[in-house]
Amino acid sequence: MAEEYVEVKIPKSLYERIKERIEGTGFESVDEYVTYVLREVLASLEEEEEEEVFSEEEEEKIKERLRALGYLD
Protein backbone atom coordinates (compact mmCIF):
# COMPACT_ATOMS: atom_id res chain seq x y z
CA MET A 1 0.00 0.00 0.00
CA ALA A 2 1.39 3.41 -0.95
CA GLU A 3 2.02 5.81 1.88
CA GLU A 4 0.01 9.03 1.93
CA TYR A 5 1.82 12.33 2.20
CA VAL A 6 0.96 15.73 3.64
CA GLU A 7 2.63 19.06 3.21
CA VAL A 8 4.68 20.63 6.01
CA LYS A 9 5.97 24.16 5.73
CA ILE A 10 9.44 25.17 6.87
CA PRO A 11 11.25 28.50 6.47
CA LYS A 12 12.90 28.88 3.07
CA SER A 13 16.25 29.66 4.74
CA LEU A 14 16.11 26.30 6.53
CA TYR A 15 15.17 24.54 3.31
CA GLU A 16 18.18 26.10 1.56
CA ARG A 17 20.53 25.07 4.39
CA ILE A 18 19.28 21.48 4.20
CA LYS A 19 19.55 21.50 0.42
CA GLU A 20 23.22 22.53 0.69
CA ARG A 21 23.86 19.98 3.43
CA ILE A 22 22.58 17.00 1.44
CA GLU A 23 24.64 17.73 -1.68
CA GLY A 24 26.86 14.76 -2.37
CA THR A 25 24.98 12.48 0.04
CA GLY A 26 22.61 9.65 -0.69
CA PHE A 27 19.60 11.86 -0.10
CA GLU A 28 17.83 12.76 -3.30
CA SER A 29 15.66 15.56 -1.90
CA VAL A 30 15.10 17.79 1.08
CA ASP A 31 11.82 15.92 1.70
CA GLU A 32 13.69 12.62 1.93
CA TYR A 33 16.25 14.05 4.35
CA VAL A 34 13.66 15.73 6.58
CA THR A 35 11.61 12.51 6.70
CA TYR A 36 14.74 10.57 7.70
CA VAL A 37 15.68 13.05 10.43
CA LEU A 38 12.16 13.16 11.88
CA ARG A 39 11.95 9.35 11.96
CA GLU A 40 15.30 9.18 13.77
CA VAL A 41 14.27 11.81 16.32
CA LEU A 42 10.94 10.11 17.01
CA ALA A 43 12.59 6.69 17.33
CA SER A 44 15.07 8.13 19.81
CA LEU A 45 12.32 9.78 21.87
CA GLU A 46 10.22 6.62 21.87
CA GLU A 47 13.25 4.59 22.97
CA GLU A 48 13.86 6.98 25.87
CA GLU A 49 10.21 6.71 26.93
CA GLU A 50 10.45 2.92 27.01
CA GLU A 51 13.46 2.93 29.33
CA GLU A 52 12.58 2.24 32.93
CA VAL A 53 12.83 5.30 35.10
CA PHE A 54 12.57 5.19 38.86
CA SER A 55 10.00 7.34 40.61
CA GLU A 56 11.28 9.73 43.27
CA GLU A 57 9.98 7.36 45.94
CA GLU A 58 11.76 4.36 44.40
CA GLU A 59 14.97 6.36 44.02
CA GLU A 60 14.84 7.40 47.69
CA LYS A 61 14.34 3.77 48.79
CA ILE A 62 17.37 2.73 46.75
CA LYS A 63 19.46 5.53 48.27
CA GLU A 64 18.36 4.44 51.78
CA ARG A 65 19.44 0.86 51.05
CA LEU A 66 22.80 2.05 49.71
CA ARG A 67 23.28 4.22 52.83
CA ALA A 68 22.45 1.26 55.06
CA LEU A 69 25.04 -0.81 53.21
CA GLY A 70 27.63 1.94 53.62
CA TYR A 71 27.88 2.91 49.96
CA LEU A 72 26.48 6.41 50.47
CA ASP A 73 27.09 8.92 53.25
PDB file of N, CA and C in Angstrom:
ATOM      1  N   MET A   1       0.848  -1.170   0.000  1.00  0.00           N
ATOM      2  CA  MET A   1       0.000   0.000   0.000  1.00  0.00           C
ATOM      3  C   MET A   1       0.900   1.243   0.000  1.00  0.00           C
ATOM      4  N   ALA A   2       0.603   2.182  -0.864  1.00  0.00           N
ATOM      5  CA  ALA A   2       1.389   3.409  -0.953  1.00  0.00           C
ATOM      6  C   ALA A   2       1.110   4.301   0.255  1.00  0.00           C
ATOM      7  N   GLU A   3       2.154   4.930   0.725  1.00  0.00           N
ATOM      8  CA  GLU A   3       2.022   5.808   1.881  1.00  0.00           C
ATOM      9  C   GLU A   3       1.467   7.158   1.433  1.00  0.00           C
ATOM     10  N   GLU A   4       0.562   7.705   2.224  1.00  0.00           N
ATOM     11  CA  GLU A   4       0.015   9.027   1.931  1.00  0.00           C
ATOM     12  C   GLU A   4       0.971  10.087   2.443  1.00  0.00           C
ATOM     13  N   TYR A   5       0.960  11.234   1.799  1.00  0.00           N
ATOM     14  CA  TYR A   5       1.824  12.329   2.197  1.00  0.00           C
ATOM     15  C   TYR A   5       1.008  13.584   2.476  1.00  0.00           C
ATOM     16  N   VAL A   6       1.542  14.421   3.347  1.00  0.00           N
ATOM     17  CA  VAL A   6       0.961  15.727   3.639  1.00  0.00           C
ATOM     18  C   VAL A   6       2.063  16.765   3.480  1.00  0.00           C
ATOM     19  N   GLU A   7       1.670  17.985   3.365  1.00  0.00           N
ATOM     20  CA  GLU A   7       2.635  19.063   3.205  1.00  0.00           C
ATOM     21  C   GLU A   7       2.944  19.691   4.556  1.00  0.00           C
ATOM     22  N   VAL A   8       4.226  19.946   4.797  1.00  0.00           N
ATOM     23  CA  VAL A   8       4.680  20.630   6.006  1.00  0.00           C
ATOM     24  C   VAL A   8       5.501  21.817   5.551  1.00  0.00           C
ATOM     25  N   LYS A   9       5.244  22.956   6.131  1.00  0.00           N
ATOM     26  CA  LYS A   9       5.970  24.163   5.731  1.00  0.00           C
ATOM     27  C   LYS A   9       7.126  24.424   6.683  1.00  0.00           C
ATOM     28  N   ILE A  10       8.279  24.762   6.091  1.00  0.00           N
ATOM     29  CA  ILE A  10       9.441  25.171   6.869  1.00  0.00           C
ATOM     30  C   ILE A  10       9.958  26.474   6.252  1.00  0.00           C
ATOM     31  N   PRO A  11      10.705  27.253   7.022  1.00  0.00           N
ATOM     32  CA  PRO A  11      11.254  28.496   6.473  1.00  0.00           C
ATOM     33  C   PRO A  11      12.168  28.204   5.277  1.00  0.00           C
ATOM     34  N   LYS A  12      12.097  29.063   4.282  1.00  0.00           N
ATOM     35  CA  LYS A  12      12.901  28.881   3.074  1.00  0.00           C
ATOM     36  C   LYS A  12      14.394  28.842   3.405  1.00  0.00           C
ATOM     37  N   SER A  13      14.824  29.654   4.369  1.00  0.00           N
ATOM     38  CA  SER A  13      16.246  29.658   4.735  1.00  0.00           C
ATOM     39  C   SER A  13      16.680  28.288   5.263  1.00  0.00           C
ATOM     40  N   LEU A  14      15.810  27.632   6.023  1.00  0.00           N
ATOM     41  CA  LEU A  14      16.113  26.298   6.530  1.00  0.00           C
ATOM     42  C   LEU A  14      16.148  25.291   5.383  1.00  0.00           C
ATOM     43  N   TYR A  15      15.210  25.410   4.481  1.00  0.00           N
ATOM     44  CA  TYR A  15      15.169  24.543   3.307  1.00  0.00           C
ATOM     45  C   TYR A  15      16.483  24.646   2.529  1.00  0.00           C
ATOM     46  N   GLU A  16      16.943  25.876   2.314  1.00  0.00           N
ATOM     47  CA  GLU A  16      18.181  26.101   1.563  1.00  0.00           C
ATOM     48  C   GLU A  16      19.387  25.512   2.290  1.00  0.00           C
ATOM     49  N   ARG A  17      19.427  25.652   3.604  1.00  0.00           N
ATOM     50  CA  ARG A  17      20.532  25.068   4.392  1.00  0.00           C
ATOM     51  C   ARG A  17      20.544  23.551   4.269  1.00  0.00           C
ATOM     52  N   ILE A  18      19.361  22.944   4.329  1.00  0.00           N
ATOM     53  CA  ILE A  18      19.277  21.484   4.202  1.00  0.00           C
ATOM     54  C   ILE A  18      19.692  21.065   2.799  1.00  0.00           C
ATOM     55  N   LYS A  19      19.219  21.807   1.817  1.00  0.00           N
ATOM     56  CA  LYS A  19      19.548  21.496   0.423  1.00  0.00           C
ATOM     57  C   LYS A  19      21.064  21.486   0.225  1.00  0.00           C
ATOM     58  N   GLU A  20      21.760  22.479   0.781  1.00  0.00           N
ATOM     59  CA  GLU A  20      23.221  22.531   0.686  1.00  0.00           C
ATOM     60  C   GLU A  20      23.856  21.357   1.429  1.00  0.00           C
ATOM     61  N   ARG A  21      23.301  21.039   2.579  1.00  0.00           N
ATOM     62  CA  ARG A  21      23.864  19.980   3.430  1.00  0.00           C
ATOM     63  C   ARG A  21      23.795  18.607   2.771  1.00  0.00           C
ATOM     64  N   ILE A  22      22.752  18.339   1.995  1.00  0.00           N
ATOM     65  CA  ILE A  22      22.579  16.999   1.436  1.00  0.00           C
ATOM     66  C   ILE A  22      23.298  16.808   0.102  1.00  0.00           C
ATOM     67  N   GLU A  23      23.890  17.873  -0.435  1.00  0.00           N
ATOM     68  CA  GLU A  23      24.639  17.729  -1.685  1.00  0.00           C
ATOM     69  C   GLU A  23      25.751  16.706  -1.499  1.00  0.00           C
ATOM     70  N   GLY A  24      25.815  15.771  -2.427  1.00  0.00           N
ATOM     71  CA  GLY A  24      26.861  14.758  -2.374  1.00  0.00           C
ATOM     72  C   GLY A  24      26.574  13.613  -1.416  1.00  0.00           C
ATOM     73  N   THR A  25      25.373  13.595  -0.836  1.00  0.00           N
ATOM     74  CA  THR A  25      24.985  12.485   0.045  1.00  0.00           C
ATOM     75  C   THR A  25      24.042  11.565  -0.722  1.00  0.00           C
ATOM     76  N   GLY A  26      23.556  10.569  -0.072  1.00  0.00           N
ATOM     77  CA  GLY A  26      22.614   9.649  -0.694  1.00  0.00           C
ATOM     78  C   GLY A  26      21.183  10.161  -0.724  1.00  0.00           C
ATOM     79  N   PHE A  27      20.952  11.306  -0.119  1.00  0.00           N
ATOM     80  CA  PHE A  27      19.599  11.864  -0.096  1.00  0.00           C
ATOM     81  C   PHE A  27      19.317  12.550  -1.420  1.00  0.00           C
ATOM     82  N   GLU A  28      18.176  12.216  -2.000  1.00  0.00           N
ATOM     83  CA  GLU A  28      17.828  12.762  -3.304  1.00  0.00           C
ATOM     84  C   GLU A  28      17.012  14.046  -3.221  1.00  0.00           C
ATOM     85  N   SER A  29      16.476  14.350  -2.035  1.00  0.00           N
ATOM     86  CA  SER A  29      15.662  15.561  -1.899  1.00  0.00           C
ATOM     87  C   SER A  29      15.648  16.016  -0.450  1.00  0.00           C
ATOM     88  N   VAL A  30      15.262  17.261  -0.265  1.00  0.00           N
ATOM     89  CA  VAL A  30      15.095  17.793   1.083  1.00  0.00           C
ATOM     90  C   VAL A  30      13.998  17.020   1.805  1.00  0.00           C
ATOM     91  N   ASP A  31      12.920  16.697   1.101  1.00  0.00           N
ATOM     92  CA  ASP A  31      11.824  15.924   1.700  1.00  0.00           C
ATOM     93  C   ASP A  31      12.331  14.602   2.266  1.00  0.00           C
ATOM     94  N   GLU A  32      13.157  13.913   1.499  1.00  0.00           N
ATOM     95  CA  GLU A  32      13.686  12.620   1.929  1.00  0.00           C
ATOM     96  C   GLU A  32      14.545  12.776   3.182  1.00  0.00           C
ATOM     97  N   TYR A  33      15.379  13.810   3.198  1.00  0.00           N
ATOM     98  CA  TYR A  33      16.250  14.054   4.350  1.00  0.00           C
ATOM     99  C   TYR A  33      15.438  14.406   5.593  1.00  0.00           C
ATOM    100  N   VAL A  34      14.480  15.304   5.443  1.00  0.00           N
ATOM    101  CA  VAL A  34      13.662  15.732   6.580  1.00  0.00           C
ATOM    102  C   VAL A  34      12.871  14.541   7.128  1.00  0.00           C
ATOM    103  N   THR A  35      12.333  13.714   6.253  1.00  0.00           N
ATOM    104  CA  THR A  35      11.611  12.513   6.701  1.00  0.00           C
ATOM    105  C   THR A  35      12.534  11.599   7.493  1.00  0.00           C
ATOM    106  N   TYR A  36      13.753  11.398   6.995  1.00  0.00           N
ATOM    107  CA  TYR A  36      14.736  10.566   7.697  1.00  0.00           C
ATOM    108  C   TYR A  36      15.043  11.121   9.084  1.00  0.00           C
ATOM    109  N   VAL A  37      15.327  12.424   9.159  1.00  0.00           N
ATOM    110  CA  VAL A  37      15.682  13.046  10.431  1.00  0.00           C
ATOM    111  C   VAL A  37      14.522  12.944  11.415  1.00  0.00           C
ATOM    112  N   LEU A  38      13.322  13.232  10.982  1.00  0.00           N
ATOM    113  CA  LEU A  38      12.164  13.164  11.883  1.00  0.00           C
ATOM    114  C   LEU A  38      11.935  11.740  12.383  1.00  0.00           C
ATOM    115  N   ARG A  39      12.103  10.748  11.525  1.00  0.00           N
ATOM    116  CA  ARG A  39      11.946   9.348  11.964  1.00  0.00           C
ATOM    117  C   ARG A  39      12.988   8.992  13.017  1.00  0.00           C
ATOM    118  N   GLU A  40      14.232   9.447  12.808  1.00  0.00           N
ATOM    119  CA  GLU A  40      15.301   9.178  13.771  1.00  0.00           C
ATOM    120  C   GLU A  40      15.016   9.848  15.115  1.00  0.00           C
ATOM    121  N   VAL A  41      14.572  11.094  15.079  1.00  0.00           N
ATOM    122  CA  VAL A  41      14.270  11.814  16.320  1.00  0.00           C
ATOM    123  C   VAL A  41      13.133  11.129  17.065  1.00  0.00           C
ATOM    124  N   LEU A  42      12.072  10.779  16.353  1.00  0.00           N
ATOM    125  CA  LEU A  42      10.940  10.115  17.006  1.00  0.00           C
ATOM    126  C   LEU A  42      11.339   8.759  17.580  1.00  0.00           C
ATOM    127  N   ALA A  43      12.138   7.992  16.842  1.00  0.00           N
ATOM    128  CA  ALA A  43      12.586   6.688  17.330  1.00  0.00           C
ATOM    129  C   ALA A  43      13.400   6.862  18.606  1.00  0.00           C
ATOM    130  N   SER A  44      14.256   7.869  18.634  1.00  0.00           N
ATOM    131  CA  SER A  44      15.072   8.131  19.814  1.00  0.00           C
ATOM    132  C   SER A  44      14.198   8.510  21.010  1.00  0.00           C
ATOM    133  N   LEU A  45      13.222   9.372  20.789  1.00  0.00           N
ATOM    134  CA  LEU A  45      12.320   9.781  21.872  1.00  0.00           C
ATOM    135  C   LEU A  45      11.500   8.599  22.384  1.00  0.00           C
ATOM    136  N   GLU A  46      11.014   7.780  21.468  1.00  0.00           N
ATOM    137  CA  GLU A  46      10.223   6.618  21.873  1.00  0.00           C
ATOM    138  C   GLU A  46      11.069   5.627  22.653  1.00  0.00           C
ATOM    139  N   GLU A  47      12.334   5.486  22.260  1.00  0.00           N
ATOM    140  CA  GLU A  47      13.246   4.592  22.972  1.00  0.00           C
ATOM    141  C   GLU A  47      13.477   5.089  24.392  1.00  0.00           C
ATOM    142  N   GLU A  48      13.664   6.388  24.544  1.00  0.00           N
ATOM    143  CA  GLU A  48      13.859   6.977  25.873  1.00  0.00           C
ATOM    144  C   GLU A  48      12.632   6.753  26.751  1.00  0.00           C
ATOM    145  N   GLU A  49      11.445   6.883  26.159  1.00  0.00           N
ATOM    146  CA  GLU A  49      10.210   6.713  26.929  1.00  0.00           C
ATOM    147  C   GLU A  49      10.048   5.284  27.410  1.00  0.00           C
ATOM    148  N   GLU A  50      10.589   4.328  26.644  1.00  0.00           N
ATOM    149  CA  GLU A  50      10.451   2.919  27.011  1.00  0.00           C
ATOM    150  C   GLU A  50      11.402   2.509  28.125  1.00  0.00           C
ATOM    151  N   GLU A  51      12.499   3.266  28.286  1.00  0.00           N
ATOM    152  CA  GLU A  51      13.458   2.931  29.329  1.00  0.00           C
ATOM    153  C   GLU A  51      12.799   3.082  30.692  1.00  0.00           C
ATOM    154  N   GLU A  52      13.149   2.173  31.593  1.00  0.00           N
ATOM    155  CA  GLU A  52      12.579   2.244  32.934  1.00  0.00           C
ATOM    156  C   GLU A  52      13.201   3.386  33.707  1.00  0.00           C
ATOM    157  N   VAL A  53      12.371   4.185  34.287  1.00  0.00           N
ATOM    158  CA  VAL A  53      12.830   5.296  35.102  1.00  0.00           C
ATOM    159  C   VAL A  53      12.224   5.120  36.486  1.00  0.00           C
ATOM    160  N   PHE A  54      13.056   5.330  37.503  1.00  0.00           N
ATOM    161  CA  PHE A  54      12.574   5.195  38.861  1.00  0.00           C
ATOM    162  C   PHE A  54      11.793   6.435  39.268  1.00  0.00           C
ATOM    163  N   SER A  55      10.731   6.210  40.037  1.00  0.00           N
ATOM    164  CA  SER A  55      10.005   7.343  40.606  1.00  0.00           C
ATOM    165  C   SER A  55      10.874   7.923  41.723  1.00  0.00           C
ATOM    166  N   GLU A  56      10.518   9.118  42.177  1.00  0.00           N
ATOM    167  CA  GLU A  56      11.283   9.733  43.270  1.00  0.00           C
ATOM    168  C   GLU A  56      11.258   8.848  44.506  1.00  0.00           C
ATOM    169  N   GLU A  57      10.124   8.236  44.776  1.00  0.00           N
ATOM    170  CA  GLU A  57       9.983   7.357  45.940  1.00  0.00           C
ATOM    171  C   GLU A  57      10.895   6.138  45.812  1.00  0.00           C
ATOM    172  N   GLU A  58      10.906   5.519  44.612  1.00  0.00           N
ATOM    173  CA  GLU A  58      11.762   4.361  44.399  1.00  0.00           C
ATOM    174  C   GLU A  58      13.242   4.741  44.508  1.00  0.00           C
ATOM    175  N   GLU A  59      13.587   5.896  43.956  1.00  0.00           N
ATOM    176  CA  GLU A  59      14.969   6.359  44.018  1.00  0.00           C
ATOM    177  C   GLU A  59      15.397   6.580  45.468  1.00  0.00           C
ATOM    178  N   GLU A  60      14.524   7.160  46.281  1.00  0.00           N
ATOM    179  CA  GLU A  60      14.844   7.402  47.687  1.00  0.00           C
ATOM    180  C   GLU A  60      15.026   6.085  48.442  1.00  0.00           C
ATOM    181  N   LYS A  61      14.200   5.078  48.147  1.00  0.00           N
ATOM    182  CA  LYS A  61      14.344   3.772  48.792  1.00  0.00           C
ATOM    183  C   LYS A  61      15.689   3.138  48.432  1.00  0.00           C
ATOM    184  N   ILE A  62      16.090   3.281  47.191  1.00  0.00           N
ATOM    185  CA  ILE A  62      17.374   2.731  46.749  1.00  0.00           C
ATOM    186  C   ILE A  62      18.516   3.445  47.463  1.00  0.00           C
ATOM    187  N   LYS A  63      18.427   4.763  47.574  1.00  0.00           N
ATOM    188  CA  LYS A  63      19.459   5.525  48.274  1.00  0.00           C
ATOM    189  C   LYS A  63      19.537   5.105  49.738  1.00  0.00           C
ATOM    190  N   GLU A  64      18.379   4.885  50.379  1.00  0.00           N
ATOM    191  CA  GLU A  64      18.358   4.438  51.782  1.00  0.00           C
ATOM    192  C   GLU A  64      19.053   3.095  51.922  1.00  0.00           C
ATOM    193  N   ARG A  65      18.800   2.175  50.998  1.00  0.00           N
ATOM    194  CA  ARG A  65      19.443   0.864  51.047  1.00  0.00           C
ATOM    195  C   ARG A  65      20.955   0.998  50.884  1.00  0.00           C
ATOM    196  N   LEU A  66      21.372   1.855  49.932  1.00  0.00           N
ATOM    197  CA  LEU A  66      22.800   2.052  49.711  1.00  0.00           C
ATOM    198  C   LEU A  66      23.460   2.692  50.937  1.00  0.00           C
ATOM    199  N   ARG A  67      22.761   3.609  51.596  1.00  0.00           N
ATOM    200  CA  ARG A  67      23.284   4.217  52.826  1.00  0.00           C
ATOM    201  C   ARG A  67      23.429   3.148  53.905  1.00  0.00           C
ATOM    202  N   ALA A  68      22.435   2.301  54.035  1.00  0.00           N
ATOM    203  CA  ALA A  68      22.449   1.257  55.065  1.00  0.00           C
ATOM    204  C   ALA A  68      23.611   0.267  54.815  1.00  0.00           C
ATOM    205  N   LEU A  69      23.942   0.090  53.541  1.00  0.00           N
ATOM    206  CA  LEU A  69      25.043  -0.806  53.214  1.00  0.00           C
ATOM    207  C   LEU A  69      26.396  -0.104  53.263  1.00  0.00           C
ATOM    208  N   GLY A  70      26.385   1.209  53.491  1.00  0.00           N
ATOM    209  CA  GLY A  70      27.633   1.944  53.615  1.00  0.00           C
ATOM    210  C   GLY A  70      28.176   2.486  52.305  1.00  0.00           C
ATOM    211  N   TYR A  71      27.402   2.403  51.240  1.00  0.00           N
ATOM    212  CA  TYR A  71      27.881   2.913  49.958  1.00  0.00           C
ATOM    213  C   TYR A  71      27.667   4.413  49.781  1.00  0.00           C
ATOM    214  N   LEU A  72      26.732   4.977  50.522  1.00  0.00           N
ATOM    215  CA  LEU A  72      26.478   6.410  50.470  1.00  0.00           C
ATOM    216  C   LEU A  72      26.577   6.988  51.865  1.00  0.00           C
ATOM    217  N   ASP A  73      27.002   8.253  51.954  1.00  0.00           N
ATOM    218  CA  ASP A  73      27.085   8.916  53.251  1.00  0.00           C
ATOM    219  C   ASP A  73      25.789   9.604  53.581  1.00  0.00           C
TER     220      ASP A  73
END
